[in-house]
Protein backbone atom coordinates (compact mmCIF):
# COMPACT_ATOMS: atom_id res chain seq x y z
CA MET A 1 -0.05 0.16 -0.22
CA THR A 2 1.42 3.62 -1.11
CA SER A 3 1.95 5.94 2.09
CA GLU A 4 0.03 9.41 1.67
CA ARG A 5 3.37 10.99 2.00
CA SER A 6 5.04 8.88 -1.02
CA ARG A 7 2.39 10.48 -3.01
CA LEU A 8 3.25 14.10 -2.35
CA PRO A 9 5.71 15.78 -5.08
CA CYS A 10 9.30 15.40 -4.19
CA ILE A 11 11.77 18.31 -4.14
CA GLU A 12 15.41 17.34 -4.71
CA PHE A 13 17.04 20.04 -2.66
CA TRP A 14 20.70 20.42 -3.47
CA PHE A 15 22.47 23.04 -1.18
CA ASP A 16 25.64 24.20 -0.14
CA PRO A 17 25.68 24.93 3.63
CA ALA A 18 27.58 28.06 3.62
CA SER A 19 25.19 29.87 0.93
CA THR A 20 22.81 32.38 2.01
CA TYR A 21 20.66 31.49 -1.00
CA SER A 22 20.77 27.94 0.05
CA TYR A 23 19.91 28.99 3.92
CA ILE A 24 16.55 31.06 2.71
CA ALA A 25 15.38 28.28 0.29
CA ALA A 26 16.05 25.91 3.08
CA ALA A 27 13.45 27.69 5.01
CA ASP A 28 10.93 27.68 2.21
CA VAL A 29 11.17 23.88 1.60
CA ALA A 30 11.32 22.94 5.07
CA ARG A 31 7.85 24.79 5.35
CA LEU A 32 6.29 23.15 2.67
CA GLU A 33 7.60 19.86 4.24
CA ALA A 34 6.02 20.87 7.49
CA GLU A 35 2.75 21.82 6.02
CA GLY A 36 2.56 18.38 4.10
CA ARG A 37 2.66 19.98 0.57
CA ALA A 38 5.86 18.13 -0.32
CA ARG A 39 8.69 15.46 0.42
CA VAL A 40 12.18 16.87 0.47
CA ASP A 41 15.33 15.07 -0.27
CA TYR A 42 18.06 16.96 1.22
CA ARG A 43 21.43 16.88 -0.86
CA PRO A 44 24.34 18.82 0.30
CA PHE A 45 26.96 19.86 -1.92
CA LEU A 46 29.98 22.63 -2.70
CA LEU A 47 29.74 25.52 -4.77
CA GLY A 48 33.22 26.71 -4.44
CA PRO A 49 35.06 23.89 -6.47
CA ILE A 50 32.54 24.65 -9.30
CA PHE A 51 32.61 28.63 -8.98
CA VAL A 52 36.11 29.01 -8.46
CA PRO A 53 37.29 27.90 -12.18
CA LEU A 54 34.25 29.50 -13.72
CA LEU A 55 35.03 32.69 -12.11
CA ALA A 56 38.24 32.75 -12.61
CA GLU A 57 37.89 32.35 -16.43
CA GLY A 58 34.97 35.21 -16.80
CA ILE A 59 32.36 32.52 -17.51
CA LEU A 60 30.14 33.19 -14.43
CA THR A 61 29.79 36.28 -12.47
CA VAL A 62 27.80 36.49 -9.30
CA GLY A 63 24.77 38.30 -11.12
CA SER A 64 24.67 35.66 -13.20
CA TRP A 65 24.44 33.07 -10.66
CA ARG A 66 21.83 34.50 -9.10
CA THR A 67 19.60 34.29 -12.38
CA VAL A 68 20.47 30.73 -13.03
CA PHE A 69 19.36 29.87 -9.36
CA THR A 70 16.08 31.64 -9.77
CA VAL A 71 15.35 30.24 -13.05
CA GLY A 72 16.32 26.64 -12.09
CA LEU A 73 13.77 26.87 -9.21
CA ALA A 74 10.98 27.95 -11.45
CA LEU A 75 11.79 24.85 -13.88
CA ALA A 76 11.79 22.64 -11.11
CA GLY A 77 8.06 23.53 -9.99
CA PHE A 78 9.26 24.93 -6.97
CA ALA A 79 7.05 28.28 -8.00
CA ALA A 80 4.02 25.82 -8.39
CA LEU A 81 4.43 24.32 -4.99
CA GLN A 82 5.07 27.60 -3.15
CA SER A 83 1.75 28.92 -4.29
CA GLY A 84 -0.19 25.83 -3.38
CA ALA A 85 -0.86 24.12 -6.89
CA THR A 86 -0.66 20.49 -6.85
CA ALA A 87 1.97 18.63 -8.92
CA ALA A 88 0.64 16.75 -12.13
């Protein structure tokens, strides 16, 4: 038998523990989980080893990362979950 929790949409939440963006987003996903609107799989990782070479080569700037982060959340359906919409 499938549990009620397993039917909830799942957020695979990748985060850098030192990131202020992660801290803000973690509060939102924790709230969604506490309200019973989603399951959360927490996946810690470090952004530093990814960012250092990209910043050094001028491929990535701090402003462009903000855009990537925002678009990524929208594509993941996070905005729909926050507004109370149900997953398909």
